[in-house]
Amino acid sequence: MVVTKMDDETIFIKKGDEKIKMEKPGKLHRLMVKSDRMETIITELDPHVKSKWFQHNGEELHLVIKGKMEYTVGEKSYRMTEGDILWHRSNVRHRAENIGNKKVEYITIGTPPTFMMSDL
């Protein structure tokens, strides 16, 4: 991991660098930034792959970079495509699903940070 510190309040991350990278069949999670207040994760899901269900304290924002997906929060599902953003409280059960025939890639920004290697 190569992280260039600009000063004490800024971190600059070059494309391809990540703090932690975790691969499981059909899933790739890259933890890009983690502070005491928030984290940023880039996730890739292969076609027709679902994440597990999550439920924890905090808030999340998801931004689809490429592909299409369905994101379920509680009983409601949202069909998302490139450029779509979804915000939700994390204490409501939630998960992502790639509903397309190509890989989907999306960014999650969460607060507080809850990324756990065993959770994904």
Protein backbone atom coordinates (compact mmCIF):
# COMPACT_ATOMS: atom_id res chain seq x y z
CA MET A 1 0.00 0.00 0.00
CA VAL A 2 1.36 3.39 -0.96
CA VAL A 3 -0.24 6.33 0.81
CA THR A 4 1.11 9.82 0.27
CA LYS A 5 0.47 12.11 3.22
CA MET A 6 -0.04 15.69 2.08
CA ASP A 7 -0.19 17.02 5.63
CA ASP A 8 -1.57 15.98 9.02
CA GLU A 9 -5.20 16.38 7.87
CA THR A 10 -5.11 14.95 4.35
CA ILE A 11 -4.33 11.56 2.84
CA PHE A 12 -3.96 11.10 -0.91
CA ILE A 13 -4.43 7.59 -2.34
CA LYS A 14 -3.42 6.75 -5.90
CA LYS A 15 -5.60 4.51 -8.04
CA GLY A 16 -4.79 0.87 -7.32
CA ASP A 17 -3.68 1.46 -3.75
CA GLU A 18 -5.77 0.29 -0.84
CA LYS A 19 -5.42 -0.18 2.89
CA ILE A 20 -6.83 -3.72 2.92
CA LYS A 21 -7.93 -5.96 0.04
CA MET A 22 -10.19 -8.95 0.63
CA GLU A 23 -11.39 -11.38 -2.03
CA LYS A 24 -14.07 -14.03 -1.69
CA PRO A 25 -15.75 -15.94 -4.54
CA GLY A 26 -17.51 -13.34 -6.70
CA LYS A 27 -16.63 -10.45 -4.36
CA LEU A 28 -13.75 -8.02 -3.98
CA HIS A 29 -13.65 -5.45 -1.16
CA ARG A 30 -10.98 -2.76 -0.98
CA LEU A 31 -10.79 -0.63 2.14
CA MET A 32 -9.43 2.66 0.85
CA VAL A 33 -9.64 5.03 3.82
CA LYS A 34 -10.42 4.46 7.48
CA SER A 35 -10.35 7.14 10.15
CA ASP A 36 -11.85 7.26 13.61
CA ARG A 37 -15.07 8.71 12.12
CA MET A 38 -15.57 7.20 8.64
CA GLU A 39 -14.38 4.69 6.07
CA THR A 40 -14.50 4.27 2.30
CA ILE A 41 -14.76 0.85 0.67
CA ILE A 42 -14.82 0.01 -3.05
CA THR A 43 -16.70 -3.24 -3.72
CA GLU A 44 -16.95 -5.31 -6.89
CA LEU A 45 -19.60 -8.02 -7.26
CA ASP A 46 -19.65 -10.52 -10.11
CA PRO A 47 -22.91 -10.99 -12.03
CA HIS A 48 -25.80 -12.32 -9.91
CA VAL A 49 -23.77 -12.27 -6.66
CA LYS A 50 -25.29 -10.97 -3.40
CA SER A 51 -23.56 -9.66 -0.33
CA LYS A 52 -24.54 -11.05 3.03
CA TRP A 53 -27.02 -9.12 5.16
CA PHE A 54 -25.57 -6.37 7.36
CA GLN A 55 -26.99 -4.48 10.31
CA HIS A 56 -24.93 -2.21 12.58
CA ASN A 57 -24.81 1.33 13.97
CA GLY A 58 -24.18 4.31 11.72
CA GLU A 59 -24.98 5.64 8.26
CA GLU A 60 -23.89 4.64 4.75
CA LEU A 61 -23.79 6.20 1.33
CA HIS A 62 -23.42 4.02 -1.79
CA LEU A 63 -22.38 5.33 -5.22
CA VAL A 64 -22.47 3.02 -8.25
CA ILE A 65 -19.35 3.49 -10.39
CA LYS A 66 -20.20 0.94 -13.08
CA GLY A 67 -22.81 -1.71 -13.73
CA LYS A 68 -26.21 -2.12 -12.15
CA MET A 69 -27.29 -3.44 -8.81
CA GLU A 70 -30.17 -3.74 -6.43
CA TYR A 71 -29.63 -2.50 -2.90
CA THR A 72 -32.12 -3.65 -0.27
CA VAL A 73 -32.65 -1.68 2.93
CA GLY A 74 -35.23 -3.24 5.21
CA GLU A 75 -38.22 -4.22 3.08
CA LYS A 76 -37.48 -1.79 0.23
CA SER A 77 -35.20 -2.44 -2.76
CA TYR A 78 -33.58 0.17 -4.99
CA ARG A 79 -32.40 -0.51 -8.55
CA MET A 80 -29.22 1.46 -9.08
CA THR A 81 -27.09 2.19 -12.14
CA GLU A 82 -23.93 4.20 -12.78
CA GLY A 83 -24.00 7.52 -10.93
CA ASP A 84 -26.90 6.63 -8.62
CA ILE A 85 -26.48 7.34 -4.90
CA LEU A 86 -28.30 5.72 -1.98
CA TRP A 87 -28.04 6.83 1.67
CA HIS A 88 -29.46 4.86 4.59
CA ARG A 89 -29.15 4.28 8.29
CA SER A 90 -27.04 1.19 8.90
CA ASN A 91 -29.14 -0.11 11.79
CA VAL A 92 -31.71 -1.22 9.17
CA ARG A 93 -30.84 -4.62 7.64
CA HIS A 94 -29.23 -4.12 4.21
CA ARG A 95 -27.41 -5.87 1.36
CA ALA A 96 -26.27 -5.45 -2.23
CA GLU A 97 -26.96 -7.66 -5.25
CA ASN A 98 -25.54 -7.50 -8.75
CA ILE A 99 -28.58 -7.83 -11.01
CA GLY A 100 -26.65 -7.40 -14.26
CA ASN A 101 -24.62 -9.65 -16.53
CA LYS A 102 -21.42 -7.65 -15.94
CA LYS A 103 -19.43 -6.85 -12.82
CA VAL A 104 -20.82 -4.04 -10.67
CA GLU A 105 -18.50 -1.67 -8.83
CA TYR A 106 -19.65 0.71 -6.11
CA ILE A 107 -18.24 2.90 -3.36
CA THR A 108 -19.53 2.79 0.20
CA ILE A 109 -18.79 5.60 2.62
CA GLY A 110 -19.76 4.69 6.16
CA THR A 111 -19.76 6.38 9.52
CA PRO A 112 -18.66 5.28 12.04
CA PRO A 113 -16.13 2.84 10.54
CA THR A 114 -17.32 -0.76 10.88
CA PHE A 115 -15.23 -2.65 8.30
CA MET A 116 -14.40 -6.07 9.72
CA MET A 117 -12.50 -8.61 7.60
CA SER A 118 -14.66 -11.50 8.80
CA ASP A 119 -17.93 -9.66 8.11
CA LEU A 120 -17.71 -9.55 4.33
